[in-house]
């Protein structure tokens, strides 16, 4: 019988892939369209939006790859996923005031919180279920 939280872990891995892809797309937009994000004169920004775009693009790809590894049953991907999503959440909140679409950023924050819950609530049985499915 399938453990009930195994579905949450599969959900979290799929959501990791989606959140990573969305984050990578945000980075790609910042690279291609410098004027898409509104920077006001009194705000602190350490680097230009193109640099931020490259960092965000690479970060999104790392989150997506972690989601694929978690879906494959890698136990290490659970805690790496929690750490990556926590940093992604803080990064989204830091950029919240600079985006023209704050609701979109808040949706990603909500997805990040859901992924953290799914990865920390319970874990029992997922790795075993993946091994049984492969056999």
Foldseek 3Di string as FASTA:
>chain_A
DADPLLVLLLVLLVLLLVLLVVQLVLLVCCQVPVVQWADDPVDDDDDGSNVVSVVSNVLSVVSNVLSVVSNLQDPVSLVVNLVSLVVVLVVLVVSLVGHPDNVVSVVSNVSSVSSNCSSPVDDPPNNVVSVVVVD
